[in-house]
Amino acid sequence: MSSPGFVLDTSVTLGALFKDEQDAYSLAVLGTLDEAIAVVPPLWHLELGNILGRALKAGRITAPDLAQSWERLGTLGIQVIPTPDDARYWAERSLEWDLSSYDCCYLDLARQQRLPIATKDAPLAAAAKRIGVSLYLS
């Protein structure tokens, strides 16, 4: 069985779901999921639910596309790791790292688990470098 290999940010996950967001990095990261387990904070599910629901409502995807997305996500073997449920903690991380508290969830998980992070988000990648968290596949 594979062990946790990296923290997966939503920006990379979208490359698996939307053709217009696919790029070499997203495809390379997703291609490693047979040998490495991606871990995410619980927030990941909320972000994806919001993004996919809004995409359907806006006509970016169809109902069959949405069903296929849920099915595809279910096959990725992603592991959810709990994060602190303290608003003050996230406010402090947000100020310290100059990121949204949402992005801090991913970065803090990578730091706590001592894992690299897979992200296409430039501010998140820059903050990761500043605090010594490596970027996955780079």
C-alpha atoms as a PDB file:
ATOM      1  CA  MET A   1       0.000   0.000   0.000  1.00  0.00           C
ATOM      2  CA  SER A   2       1.182   3.502  -0.816  1.00  0.00           C
ATOM      3  CA  SER A   3       1.995   6.004   1.886  1.00  0.00           C
ATOM      4  CA  PRO A   4       1.039   9.690   1.905  1.00  0.00           C
ATOM      5  CA  GLY A   5       3.156  11.395  -0.708  1.00  0.00           C
ATOM      6  CA  PHE A   6       1.931  14.965  -1.075  1.00  0.00           C
ATOM      7  CA  VAL A   7      -0.758  17.496  -0.252  1.00  0.00           C
ATOM      8  CA  LEU A   8      -3.082  18.087  -3.201  1.00  0.00           C
ATOM      9  CA  ASP A   9      -4.376  21.633  -3.667  1.00  0.00           C
ATOM     10  CA  THR A  10      -7.684  22.244  -5.407  1.00  0.00           C
ATOM     11  CA  SER A  11      -5.941  24.135  -8.227  1.00  0.00           C
ATOM     12  CA  VAL A  12      -4.306  20.893  -9.361  1.00  0.00           C
ATOM     13  CA  THR A  13      -7.444  18.815  -8.798  1.00  0.00           C
ATOM     14  CA  LEU A  14      -9.288  21.016 -11.273  1.00  0.00           C
ATOM     15  CA  GLY A  15      -6.871  19.850 -13.953  1.00  0.00           C
ATOM     16  CA  ALA A  16      -8.422  16.404 -13.617  1.00  0.00           C
ATOM     17  CA  LEU A  17     -11.942  17.726 -13.983  1.00  0.00           C
ATOM     18  CA  PHE A  18     -11.892  20.566 -16.503  1.00  0.00           C
ATOM     19  CA  LYS A  19     -10.222  20.216 -19.888  1.00  0.00           C
ATOM     20  CA  ASP A  20      -9.531  23.960 -20.037  1.00  0.00           C
ATOM     21  CA  GLU A  21      -7.561  23.691 -16.770  1.00  0.00           C
ATOM     22  CA  GLN A  22      -5.483  20.683 -17.761  1.00  0.00           C
ATOM     23  CA  ASP A  23      -1.779  21.295 -18.082  1.00  0.00           C
ATOM     24  CA  ALA A  24       1.388  19.230 -17.952  1.00  0.00           C
ATOM     25  CA  TYR A  25       1.841  19.779 -14.208  1.00  0.00           C
ATOM     26  CA  SER A  26      -1.694  18.722 -13.232  1.00  0.00           C
ATOM     27  CA  LEU A  27      -1.503  15.648 -15.431  1.00  0.00           C
ATOM     28  CA  ALA A  28       1.930  14.705 -14.053  1.00  0.00           C
ATOM     29  CA  VAL A  29       0.731  15.051 -10.450  1.00  0.00           C
ATOM     30  CA  LEU A  30      -2.423  13.065 -11.084  1.00  0.00           C
ATOM     31  CA  GLY A  31      -0.342  10.449 -12.881  1.00  0.00           C
ATOM     32  CA  THR A  32       1.511   9.702  -9.646  1.00  0.00           C
ATOM     33  CA  LEU A  33      -1.614   8.730  -7.719  1.00  0.00           C
ATOM     34  CA  ASP A  34      -1.057   5.035  -8.401  1.00  0.00           C
ATOM     35  CA  GLU A  35       2.183   5.168  -6.402  1.00  0.00           C
ATOM     36  CA  ALA A  36       1.651   8.047  -3.953  1.00  0.00           C
ATOM     37  CA  ILE A  37      -1.358   8.988  -1.864  1.00  0.00           C
ATOM     38  CA  ALA A  38      -2.567  12.564  -2.049  1.00  0.00           C
ATOM     39  CA  VAL A  39      -3.755  14.054   1.219  1.00  0.00           C
ATOM     40  CA  VAL A  40      -6.124  16.982   1.590  1.00  0.00           C
ATOM     41  CA  PRO A  41      -7.712  18.993   4.393  1.00  0.00           C
ATOM     42  CA  PRO A  42     -11.483  18.575   4.919  1.00  0.00           C
ATOM     43  CA  LEU A  43     -11.915  21.955   3.213  1.00  0.00           C
ATOM     44  CA  TRP A  44     -11.038  20.310  -0.120  1.00  0.00           C
ATOM     45  CA  HIS A  45     -14.497  18.713  -0.318  1.00  0.00           C
ATOM     46  CA  LEU A  46     -16.214  22.038   0.296  1.00  0.00           C
ATOM     47  CA  GLU A  47     -14.144  23.783  -2.355  1.00  0.00           C
ATOM     48  CA  LEU A  48     -14.817  21.100  -4.946  1.00  0.00           C
ATOM     49  CA  GLY A  49     -18.520  20.990  -4.144  1.00  0.00           C
ATOM     50  CA  ASN A  50     -18.717  24.745  -4.596  1.00  0.00           C
ATOM     51  CA  ILE A  51     -16.658  24.798  -7.798  1.00  0.00           C
ATOM     52  CA  LEU A  52     -18.505  21.916  -9.444  1.00  0.00           C
ATOM     53  CA  GLY A  53     -21.930  23.201  -8.408  1.00  0.00           C
ATOM     54  CA  ARG A  54     -21.171  26.658  -9.753  1.00  0.00           C
ATOM     55  CA  ALA A  55     -19.742  25.178 -12.962  1.00  0.00           C
ATOM     56  CA  LEU A  56     -22.988  23.276 -13.535  1.00  0.00           C
ATOM     57  CA  LYS A  57     -25.116  26.333 -12.792  1.00  0.00           C
ATOM     58  CA  ALA A  58     -23.028  28.494 -15.150  1.00  0.00           C
ATOM     59  CA  GLY A  59     -23.253  25.948 -17.962  1.00  0.00           C
ATOM     60  CA  ARG A  60     -19.532  25.223 -17.894  1.00  0.00           C
ATOM     61  CA  ILE A  61     -20.314  21.526 -17.383  1.00  0.00           C
ATOM     62  CA  THR A  62     -23.406  19.383 -17.908  1.00  0.00           C
ATOM     63  CA  ALA A  63     -25.158  17.138 -15.395  1.00  0.00           C
ATOM     64  CA  PRO A  64     -23.483  14.052 -16.946  1.00  0.00           C
ATOM     65  CA  ASP A  65     -20.111  15.850 -16.669  1.00  0.00           C
ATOM     66  CA  LEU A  66     -20.823  16.489 -12.996  1.00  0.00           C
ATOM     67  CA  ALA A  67     -21.681  12.833 -12.386  1.00  0.00           C
ATOM     68  CA  GLN A  68     -18.485  11.795 -14.170  1.00  0.00           C
ATOM     69  CA  SER A  69     -16.471  14.246 -12.044  1.00  0.00           C
ATOM     70  CA  TRP A  70     -17.844  12.770  -8.807  1.00  0.00           C
ATOM     71  CA  GLU A  71     -17.047   9.283 -10.089  1.00  0.00           C
ATOM     72  CA  ARG A  72     -13.521  10.256 -11.105  1.00  0.00           C
ATOM     73  CA  LEU A  73     -12.824  11.924  -7.758  1.00  0.00           C
ATOM     74  CA  GLY A  74     -13.970   8.776  -5.987  1.00  0.00           C
ATOM     75  CA  THR A  75     -11.330   6.717  -7.779  1.00  0.00           C
ATOM     76  CA  LEU A  76      -8.362   8.911  -6.858  1.00  0.00           C
ATOM     77  CA  GLY A  77      -7.851   7.401  -3.394  1.00  0.00           C
ATOM     78  CA  ILE A  78      -7.408  10.767  -1.714  1.00  0.00           C
ATOM     79  CA  GLN A  79      -6.934  10.740   2.057  1.00  0.00           C
ATOM     80  CA  VAL A  80      -8.509  13.452   4.220  1.00  0.00           C
ATOM     81  CA  ILE A  81      -6.492  14.545   7.248  1.00  0.00           C
ATOM     82  CA  PRO A  82      -8.196  16.708   9.892  1.00  0.00           C
ATOM     83  CA  THR A  83      -6.974  20.250  10.441  1.00  0.00           C
ATOM     84  CA  PRO A  84      -7.321  22.492  13.515  1.00  0.00           C
ATOM     85  CA  ASP A  85     -10.823  23.841  14.080  1.00  0.00           C
ATOM     86  CA  ASP A  86      -9.703  27.053  15.749  1.00  0.00           C
ATOM     87  CA  ALA A  87     -10.489  30.313  13.914  1.00  0.00           C
ATOM     88  CA  ARG A  88      -7.742  32.156  15.773  1.00  0.00           C
ATOM     89  CA  TYR A  89      -5.179  29.603  14.586  1.00  0.00           C
ATOM     90  CA  TRP A  90      -6.187  30.187  10.957  1.00  0.00           C
ATOM     91  CA  ALA A  91      -6.240  33.962  11.346  1.00  0.00           C
ATOM     92  CA  GLU A  92      -2.693  33.823  12.709  1.00  0.00           C
ATOM     93  CA  ARG A  93      -1.510  31.584   9.853  1.00  0.00           C
ATOM     94  CA  SER A  94      -3.199  33.874   7.334  1.00  0.00           C
ATOM     95  CA  LEU A  95      -1.390  36.912   8.699  1.00  0.00           C
ATOM     96  CA  GLU A  96       1.920  35.078   9.054  1.00  0.00           C
ATOM     97  CA  TRP A  97       1.918  33.599   5.551  1.00  0.00           C
ATOM     98  CA  ASP A  98      -0.059  36.357   3.752  1.00  0.00           C
ATOM     99  CA  LEU A  99      -2.566  33.852   2.376  1.00  0.00           C
ATOM    100  CA  SER A 100      -6.288  33.226   2.680  1.00  0.00           C
ATOM    101  CA  SER A 101      -7.173  30.934   5.542  1.00  0.00           C
ATOM    102  CA  TYR A 102      -8.329  28.443   2.893  1.00  0.00           C
ATOM    103  CA  ASP A 103      -4.867  28.263   1.343  1.00  0.00           C
ATOM    104  CA  CYS A 104      -3.337  28.119   4.813  1.00  0.00           C
ATOM    105  CA  CYS A 105      -5.199  24.838   5.403  1.00  0.00           C
ATOM    106  CA  TYR A 106      -3.261  23.210   2.570  1.00  0.00           C
ATOM    107  CA  LEU A 107       0.073  24.741   3.498  1.00  0.00           C
ATOM    108  CA  ASP A 108      -0.288  23.940   7.188  1.00  0.00           C
ATOM    109  CA  LEU A 109      -1.198  20.345   6.380  1.00  0.00           C
ATOM    110  CA  ALA A 110       1.930  20.019   4.235  1.00  0.00           C
ATOM    111  CA  ARG A 111       4.059  21.539   6.981  1.00  0.00           C
ATOM    112  CA  GLN A 112       2.568  19.398   9.754  1.00  0.00           C
ATOM    113  CA  GLN A 113       2.791  16.163   7.741  1.00  0.00           C
ATOM    114  CA  ARG A 114       6.227  17.071   6.330  1.00  0.00           C
ATOM    115  CA  LEU A 115       4.981  16.549   2.791  1.00  0.00           C
ATOM    116  CA  PRO A 116       5.475  18.521  -0.415  1.00  0.00           C
ATOM    117  CA  ILE A 117       2.498  20.404  -1.804  1.00  0.00           C
ATOM    118  CA  ALA A 118       1.087  20.144  -5.326  1.00  0.00           C
ATOM    119  CA  THR A 119      -0.322  23.531  -6.299  1.00  0.00           C
ATOM    120  CA  LYS A 120      -0.625  25.846  -9.294  1.00  0.00           C
ATOM    121  CA  ASP A 121      -1.506  28.778  -7.039  1.00  0.00           C
ATOM    122  CA  ALA A 122       1.447  31.205  -7.232  1.00  0.00           C
ATOM    123  CA  PRO A 123       0.978  32.900  -3.822  1.00  0.00           C
ATOM    124  CA  LEU A 124       0.561  29.505  -2.135  1.00  0.00           C
ATOM    125  CA  ALA A 125       3.676  28.148  -3.861  1.00  0.00           C
ATOM    126  CA  ALA A 126       5.667  31.235  -2.837  1.00  0.00           C
ATOM    127  CA  ALA A 127       4.531  30.930   0.789  1.00  0.00           C
ATOM    128  CA  ALA A 128       5.445  27.235   0.762  1.00  0.00           C
ATOM    129  CA  LYS A 129       8.963  28.074  -0.359  1.00  0.00           C
ATOM    130  CA  ARG A 130       9.254  30.773   2.321  1.00  0.00           C
ATOM    131  CA  ILE A 131       8.456  28.335   5.133  1.00  0.00           C
ATOM    132  CA  GLY A 132      10.472  25.420   3.777  1.00  0.00           C
ATOM    133  CA  VAL A 133       7.696  23.290   2.265  1.00  0.00           C
ATOM    134  CA  SER A 134       8.779  21.831  -1.056  1.00  0.00           C
ATOM    135  CA  LEU A 135       6.667  21.825  -4.189  1.00  0.00           C
ATOM    136  CA  TYR A 136       5.672  18.399  -5.466  1.00  0.00           C
ATOM    137  CA  LEU A 137       7.343  17.354  -8.737  1.00  0.00           C
ATOM    138  CA  SER A 138       9.453  20.471  -9.073  1.00  0.00           C
END
